[in-house]
Amino acid sequence: MPICRHSIAPPARTPREQPVVRLSHYVVQRRSAPRAANDNRRSRLAPVWPWAMAAAAAPAVTAALILTRLI
């Protein structure tokens, strides 16, 4: 008589149904649509060049103010 390796008894625990995880539950803001490479519209972000000019001019303006106070 061969040894039977197949279990006849039902499993002790039935597998639980896993809750469905959807990405839409976690996404708060949708991604903007991709833009073409030749799209010349302005970006929605504020331009950076005024801040760069202010950062570049600040040391010169500070030095000029210090020199005017010394003279």
PDB file of N, CA and C in Angstrom:
ATOM      1  N   MET A   1       0.852  -1.168   0.000  1.00  0.00           N
ATOM      2  CA  MET A   1       0.000   0.000   0.000  1.00  0.00           C
ATOM      3  C   MET A   1       0.901   1.235   0.000  1.00  0.00           C
ATOM      4  N   PRO A   2       0.785   2.078  -1.042  1.00  0.00           N
ATOM      5  CA  PRO A   2       1.657   3.253  -1.120  1.00  0.00           C
ATOM      6  C   PRO A   2       1.250   4.322  -0.103  1.00  0.00           C
ATOM      7  N   ILE A   3       2.224   5.134   0.249  1.00  0.00           N
ATOM      8  CA  ILE A   3       1.966   6.224   1.204  1.00  0.00           C
ATOM      9  C   ILE A   3       1.299   7.377   0.453  1.00  0.00           C
ATOM     10  N   CYS A   4       0.192   7.825   0.984  1.00  0.00           N
ATOM     11  CA  CYS A   4      -0.550   8.916   0.352  1.00  0.00           C
ATOM     12  C   CYS A   4      -0.048  10.242   0.918  1.00  0.00           C
ATOM     13  N   ARG A   5       0.463  11.089   0.060  1.00  0.00           N
ATOM     14  CA  ARG A   5       0.972  12.390   0.508  1.00  0.00           C
ATOM     15  C   ARG A   5      -0.061  13.499   0.325  1.00  0.00           C
ATOM     16  N   HIS A   6      -1.149  13.198  -0.264  1.00  0.00           N
ATOM     17  CA  HIS A   6      -2.187  14.196  -0.484  1.00  0.00           C
ATOM     18  C   HIS A   6      -3.107  14.222   0.730  1.00  0.00           C
ATOM     19  N   SER A   7      -3.272  15.402   1.309  1.00  0.00           N
ATOM     20  CA  SER A   7      -4.108  15.529   2.497  1.00  0.00           C
ATOM     21  C   SER A   7      -5.578  15.546   2.101  1.00  0.00           C
ATOM     22  N   ILE A   8      -6.360  14.789   2.814  1.00  0.00           N
ATOM     23  CA  ILE A   8      -7.796  14.744   2.551  1.00  0.00           C
ATOM     24  C   ILE A   8      -8.527  15.759   3.421  1.00  0.00           C
ATOM     25  N   ALA A   9      -7.970  16.070   4.576  1.00  0.00           N
ATOM     26  CA  ALA A   9      -8.617  16.992   5.509  1.00  0.00           C
ATOM     27  C   ALA A   9      -8.569  18.423   4.953  1.00  0.00           C
ATOM     28  N   PRO A  10      -9.611  19.215   5.223  1.00  0.00           N
ATOM     29  CA  PRO A  10      -9.595  20.618   4.778  1.00  0.00           C
ATOM     30  C   PRO A  10      -8.529  21.399   5.557  1.00  0.00           C
ATOM     31  N   PRO A  11      -8.035  22.468   5.006  1.00  0.00           N
ATOM     32  CA  PRO A  11      -7.024  23.249   5.732  1.00  0.00           C
ATOM     33  C   PRO A  11      -7.597  23.785   7.037  1.00  0.00           C
ATOM     34  N   ALA A  12      -6.736  23.946   8.034  1.00  0.00           N
ATOM     35  CA  ALA A  12      -7.174  24.392   9.353  1.00  0.00           C
ATOM     36  C   ALA A  12      -7.751  25.807   9.290  1.00  0.00           C
ATOM     37  N   ARG A  13      -7.119  26.657   8.492  1.00  0.00           N
ATOM     38  CA  ARG A  13      -7.616  28.034   8.368  1.00  0.00           C
ATOM     39  C   ARG A  13      -7.903  28.322   6.906  1.00  0.00           C
ATOM     40  N   THR A  14      -8.992  28.980   6.678  1.00  0.00           N
ATOM     41  CA  THR A  14      -9.284  29.390   5.308  1.00  0.00           C
ATOM     42  C   THR A  14      -8.562  30.713   5.062  1.00  0.00           C
ATOM     43  N   PRO A  15      -8.022  30.905   3.888  1.00  0.00           N
ATOM     44  CA  PRO A  15      -7.313  32.169   3.638  1.00  0.00           C
ATOM     45  C   PRO A  15      -8.278  33.348   3.668  1.00  0.00           C
ATOM     46  N   ARG A  16      -7.844  34.409   4.346  1.00  0.00           N
ATOM     47  CA  ARG A  16      -8.687  35.602   4.435  1.00  0.00           C
ATOM     48  C   ARG A  16      -8.600  36.389   3.138  1.00  0.00           C
ATOM     49  N   GLU A  17      -9.671  37.074   2.853  1.00  0.00           N
ATOM     50  CA  GLU A  17      -9.664  37.916   1.665  1.00  0.00           C
ATOM     51  C   GLU A  17      -8.881  39.185   1.993  1.00  0.00           C
ATOM     52  N   GLN A  18      -7.851  39.467   1.208  1.00  0.00           N
ATOM     53  CA  GLN A  18      -7.013  40.640   1.442  1.00  0.00           C
ATOM     54  C   GLN A  18      -7.751  41.896   0.973  1.00  0.00           C
ATOM     55  N   PRO A  19      -7.653  42.979   1.746  1.00  0.00           N
ATOM     56  CA  PRO A  19      -8.284  44.220   1.285  1.00  0.00           C
ATOM     57  C   PRO A  19      -7.550  44.739   0.048  1.00  0.00           C
ATOM     58  N   VAL A  20      -8.299  45.329  -0.833  1.00  0.00           N
ATOM     59  CA  VAL A  20      -7.723  45.832  -2.077  1.00  0.00           C
ATOM     60  C   VAL A  20      -7.048  47.171  -1.793  1.00  0.00           C
ATOM     61  N   VAL A  21      -5.784  47.293  -2.162  1.00  0.00           N
ATOM     62  CA  VAL A  21      -5.047  48.540  -1.999  1.00  0.00           C
ATOM     63  C   VAL A  21      -5.031  49.245  -3.347  1.00  0.00           C
ATOM     64  N   ARG A  22      -5.606  50.431  -3.371  1.00  0.00           N
ATOM     65  CA  ARG A  22      -5.666  51.193  -4.614  1.00  0.00           C
ATOM     66  C   ARG A  22      -4.789  52.437  -4.481  1.00  0.00           C
ATOM     67  N   LEU A  23      -4.061  52.723  -5.533  1.00  0.00           N
ATOM     68  CA  LEU A  23      -3.191  53.889  -5.537  1.00  0.00           C
ATOM     69  C   LEU A  23      -3.995  55.179  -5.448  1.00  0.00           C
ATOM     70  N   SER A  24      -5.200  55.170  -5.967  1.00  0.00           N
ATOM     71  CA  SER A  24      -6.016  56.387  -5.951  1.00  0.00           C
ATOM     72  C   SER A  24      -6.385  56.808  -4.529  1.00  0.00           C
ATOM     73  N   HIS A  25      -6.298  55.906  -3.562  1.00  0.00           N
ATOM     74  CA  HIS A  25      -6.564  56.281  -2.177  1.00  0.00           C
ATOM     75  C   HIS A  25      -5.451  57.146  -1.617  1.00  0.00           C
ATOM     76  N   TYR A  26      -4.244  57.050  -2.192  1.00  0.00           N
ATOM     77  CA  TYR A  26      -3.088  57.756  -1.667  1.00  0.00           C
ATOM     78  C   TYR A  26      -2.692  58.967  -2.504  1.00  0.00           C
ATOM     79  N   VAL A  27      -3.137  59.039  -3.744  1.00  0.00           N
ATOM     80  CA  VAL A  27      -2.754  60.146  -4.618  1.00  0.00           C
ATOM     81  C   VAL A  27      -3.588  61.366  -4.252  1.00  0.00           C
ATOM     82  N   VAL A  28      -2.906  62.458  -3.922  1.00  0.00           N
ATOM     83  CA  VAL A  28      -3.603  63.670  -3.519  1.00  0.00           C
ATOM     84  C   VAL A  28      -3.771  64.611  -4.706  1.00  0.00           C
ATOM     85  N   GLN A  29      -2.729  64.759  -5.504  1.00  0.00           N
ATOM     86  CA  GLN A  29      -2.771  65.685  -6.633  1.00  0.00           C
ATOM     87  C   GLN A  29      -2.338  64.941  -7.889  1.00  0.00           C
ATOM     88  N   ARG A  30      -3.088  65.127  -8.938  1.00  0.00           N
ATOM     89  CA  ARG A  30      -2.750  64.439 -10.184  1.00  0.00           C
ATOM     90  C   ARG A  30      -1.539  65.084 -10.835  1.00  0.00           C
ATOM     91  N   ARG A  31      -0.811  64.291 -11.588  1.00  0.00           N
ATOM     92  CA  ARG A  31       0.365  64.766 -12.302  1.00  0.00           C
ATOM     93  C   ARG A  31      -0.075  65.593 -13.499  1.00  0.00           C
ATOM     94  N   SER A  32       0.683  66.651 -13.787  1.00  0.00           N
ATOM     95  CA  SER A  32       0.335  67.471 -14.945  1.00  0.00           C
ATOM     96  C   SER A  32       0.659  66.702 -16.222  1.00  0.00           C
ATOM     97  N   ALA A  33      -0.028  67.062 -17.269  1.00  0.00           N
ATOM     98  CA  ALA A  33       0.164  66.376 -18.547  1.00  0.00           C
ATOM     99  C   ALA A  33       1.554  66.689 -19.089  1.00  0.00           C
ATOM    100  N   PRO A  34       2.169  65.739 -19.760  1.00  0.00           N
ATOM    101  CA  PRO A  34       3.499  66.005 -20.325  1.00  0.00           C
ATOM    102  C   PRO A  34       3.411  67.058 -21.431  1.00  0.00           C
ATOM    103  N   ARG A  35       4.485  67.838 -21.555  1.00  0.00           N
ATOM    104  CA  ARG A  35       4.530  68.887 -22.568  1.00  0.00           C
ATOM    105  C   ARG A  35       5.498  68.493 -23.667  1.00  0.00           C
ATOM    106  N   ALA A  36       5.201  68.928 -24.860  1.00  0.00           N
ATOM    107  CA  ALA A  36       6.063  68.618 -25.996  1.00  0.00           C
ATOM    108  C   ALA A  36       7.387  69.359 -25.867  1.00  0.00           C
ATOM    109  N   ALA A  37       8.423  68.841 -26.514  1.00  0.00           N
ATOM    110  CA  ALA A  37       9.750  69.447 -26.437  1.00  0.00           C
ATOM    111  C   ALA A  37       9.767  70.830 -27.084  1.00  0.00           C
ATOM    112  N   ASN A  38       8.931  71.062 -28.078  1.00  0.00           N
ATOM    113  CA  ASN A  38       8.916  72.360 -28.753  1.00  0.00           C
ATOM    114  C   ASN A  38       7.834  73.287 -28.207  1.00  0.00           C
ATOM    115  N   ASP A  39       7.335  73.026 -27.024  1.00  0.00           N
ATOM    116  CA  ASP A  39       6.313  73.859 -26.409  1.00  0.00           C
ATOM    117  C   ASP A  39       6.993  75.071 -25.779  1.00  0.00           C
ATOM    118  N   ASN A  40       6.703  76.257 -26.282  1.00  0.00           N
ATOM    119  CA  ASN A  40       7.382  77.466 -25.823  1.00  0.00           C
ATOM    120  C   ASN A  40       6.552  78.274 -24.831  1.00  0.00           C
ATOM    121  N   ARG A  41       5.529  77.685 -24.283  1.00  0.00           N
ATOM    122  CA  ARG A  41       4.752  78.408 -23.278  1.00  0.00           C
ATOM    123  C   ARG A  41       5.594  78.617 -22.027  1.00  0.00           C
ATOM    124  N   ARG A  42       5.243  79.648 -21.259  1.00  0.00           N
ATOM    125  CA  ARG A  42       5.955  79.901 -20.007  1.00  0.00           C
ATOM    126  C   ARG A  42       5.614  78.810 -18.998  1.00  0.00           C
ATOM    127  N   SER A  43       6.583  78.504 -18.164  1.00  0.00           N
ATOM    128  CA  SER A  43       6.324  77.510 -17.126  1.00  0.00           C
ATOM    129  C   SER A  43       5.477  78.145 -16.029  1.00  0.00           C
ATOM    130  N   ARG A  44       4.843  77.326 -15.229  1.00  0.00           N
ATOM    131  CA  ARG A  44       3.987  77.828 -14.160  1.00  0.00           C
ATOM    132  C   ARG A  44       4.792  78.326 -12.968  1.00  0.00           C
ATOM    133  N   LEU A  45       6.063  77.943 -12.890  1.00  0.00           N
ATOM    134  CA  LEU A  45       6.900  78.372 -11.779  1.00  0.00           C
ATOM    135  C   LEU A  45       7.336  79.821 -11.971  1.00  0.00           C
ATOM    136  N   ALA A  46       7.598  80.493 -10.868  1.00  0.00           N
ATOM    137  CA  ALA A  46       8.070  81.868 -10.945  1.00  0.00           C
ATOM    138  C   ALA A  46       9.478  81.878 -11.537  1.00  0.00           C
ATOM    139  N   PRO A  47       9.825  82.929 -12.283  1.00  0.00           N
ATOM    140  CA  PRO A  47      11.170  82.980 -12.855  1.00  0.00           C
ATOM    141  C   PRO A  47      12.229  83.108 -11.759  1.00  0.00           C
ATOM    142  N   VAL A  48      13.383  82.532 -12.017  1.00  0.00           N
ATOM    143  CA  VAL A  48      14.451  82.490 -11.015  1.00  0.00           C
ATOM    144  C   VAL A  48      15.400  83.672 -11.172  1.00  0.00           C
ATOM    145  N   TRP A  49      15.468  84.261 -12.358  1.00  0.00           N
ATOM    146  CA  TRP A  49      16.489  85.275 -12.598  1.00  0.00           C
ATOM    147  C   TRP A  49      16.395  86.496 -11.691  1.00  0.00           C
ATOM    148  N   PRO A  50      15.212  86.969 -11.237  1.00  0.00           N
ATOM    149  CA  PRO A  50      15.235  88.116 -10.310  1.00  0.00           C
ATOM    150  C   PRO A  50      15.922  87.779  -8.986  1.00  0.00           C
ATOM    151  N   TRP A  51      15.727  86.555  -8.505  1.00  0.00           N
ATOM    152  CA  TRP A  51      16.392  86.147  -7.262  1.00  0.00           C
ATOM    153  C   TRP A  51      17.893  86.028  -7.463  1.00  0.00           C
ATOM    154  N   ALA A  52      18.313  85.544  -8.625  1.00  0.00           N
ATOM    155  CA  ALA A  52      19.745  85.427  -8.910  1.00  0.00           C
ATOM    156  C   ALA A  52      20.390  86.809  -9.005  1.00  0.00           C
ATOM    157  N   MET A  53      19.697  87.757  -9.622  1.00  0.00           N
ATOM    158  CA  MET A  53      20.236  89.121  -9.716  1.00  0.00           C
ATOM    159  C   MET A  53      20.341  89.760  -8.334  1.00  0.00           C
ATOM    160  N   ALA A  54      19.345  89.544  -7.489  1.00  0.00           N
ATOM    161  CA  ALA A  54      19.389  90.106  -6.138  1.00  0.00           C
ATOM    162  C   ALA A  54      20.523  89.490  -5.326  1.00  0.00           C
ATOM    163  N   ALA A  55      20.721  88.185  -5.464  1.00  0.00           N
ATOM    164  CA  ALA A  55      21.803  87.522  -4.730  1.00  0.00           C
ATOM    165  C   ALA A  55      23.164  87.979  -5.233  1.00  0.00           C
ATOM    166  N   ALA A  56      23.275  88.261  -6.522  1.00  0.00           N
ATOM    167  CA  ALA A  56      24.549  88.718  -7.075  1.00  0.00           C
ATOM    168  C   ALA A  56      24.814  90.180  -6.715  1.00  0.00           C
ATOM    169  N   ALA A  57      23.779  90.996  -6.615  1.00  0.00           N
ATOM    170  CA  ALA A  57      23.958  92.422  -6.344  1.00  0.00           C
ATOM    171  C   ALA A  57      24.074  92.732  -4.858  1.00  0.00           C
ATOM    172  N   ALA A  58      23.630  91.852  -3.995  1.00  0.00           N
ATOM    173  CA  ALA A  58      23.621  92.129  -2.559  1.00  0.00           C
ATOM    174  C   ALA A  58      25.012  92.433  -2.001  1.00  0.00           C
ATOM    175  N   PRO A  59      26.061  91.661  -2.306  1.00  0.00           N
ATOM    176  CA  PRO A  59      27.380  92.002  -1.754  1.00  0.00           C
ATOM    177  C   PRO A  59      27.897  93.360  -2.249  1.00  0.00           C
ATOM    178  N   ALA A  60      27.643  93.685  -3.503  1.00  0.00           N
ATOM    179  CA  ALA A  60      28.106  94.973  -4.036  1.00  0.00           C
ATOM    180  C   ALA A  60      27.374  96.130  -3.369  1.00  0.00           C
ATOM    181  N   VAL A  61      26.086  95.997  -3.185  1.00  0.00           N
ATOM    182  CA  VAL A  61      25.304  97.052  -2.529  1.00  0.00           C
ATOM    183  C   VAL A  61      25.733  97.193  -1.077  1.00  0.00           C
ATOM    184  N   THR A  62      25.975  96.096  -0.401  1.00  0.00           N
ATOM    185  CA  THR A  62      26.424  96.136   0.992  1.00  0.00           C
ATOM    186  C   THR A  62      27.780  96.820   1.094  1.00  0.00           C
ATOM    187  N   ALA A  63      28.702  96.481   0.209  1.00  0.00           N
ATOM    188  CA  ALA A  63      30.025  97.116   0.222  1.00  0.00           C
ATOM    189  C   ALA A  63      29.908  98.611  -0.050  1.00  0.00           C
ATOM    190  N   ALA A  64      29.046  99.002  -0.974  1.00  0.00           N
ATOM    191  CA  ALA A  64      28.866 100.426  -1.272  1.00  0.00           C
ATOM    192  C   ALA A  64      28.294 101.168  -0.068  1.00  0.00           C
ATOM    193  N   LEU A  65      27.355 100.569   0.624  1.00  0.00           N
ATOM    194  CA  LEU A  65      26.787 101.208   1.821  1.00  0.00           C
ATOM    195  C   LEU A  65      27.829 101.349   2.920  1.00  0.00           C
ATOM    196  N   ILE A  66      28.642 100.339   3.108  1.00  0.00           N
ATOM    197  CA  ILE A  66      29.692 100.404   4.136  1.00  0.00           C
ATOM    198  C   ILE A  66      30.692 101.502   3.789  1.00  0.00           C
ATOM    199  N   LEU A  67      31.097 101.589   2.523  1.00  0.00           N
ATOM    200  CA  LEU A  67      32.057 102.615   2.114  1.00  0.00           C
ATOM    201  C   LEU A  67      31.485 104.022   2.243  1.00  0.00           C
ATOM    202  N   THR A  68      30.196 104.199   1.966  1.00  0.00           N
ATOM    203  CA  THR A  68      29.608 105.537   2.106  1.00  0.00           C
ATOM    204  C   THR A  68      29.518 105.949   3.570  1.00  0.00           C
ATOM    205  N   ARG A  69      29.359 105.022   4.458  1.00  0.00           N
ATOM    206  CA  ARG A  69      29.301 105.353   5.890  1.00  0.00           C
ATOM    207  C   ARG A  69      30.692 105.667   6.431  1.00  0.00           C
ATOM    208  N   LEU A  70      31.732 105.080   5.824  1.00  0.00           N
ATOM    209  CA  LEU A  70      33.093 105.329   6.291  1.00  0.00           C
ATOM    210  C   LEU A  70      33.630 106.675   5.807  1.00  0.00           C
ATOM    211  N   ILE A  71      33.143 107.145   4.670  1.00  0.00           N
ATOM    212  CA  ILE A  71      33.672 108.403   4.108  1.00  0.00           C
ATOM    213  C   ILE A  71      32.994 109.596   4.745  1.00  0.00           C
TER     214      ILE A  71
END
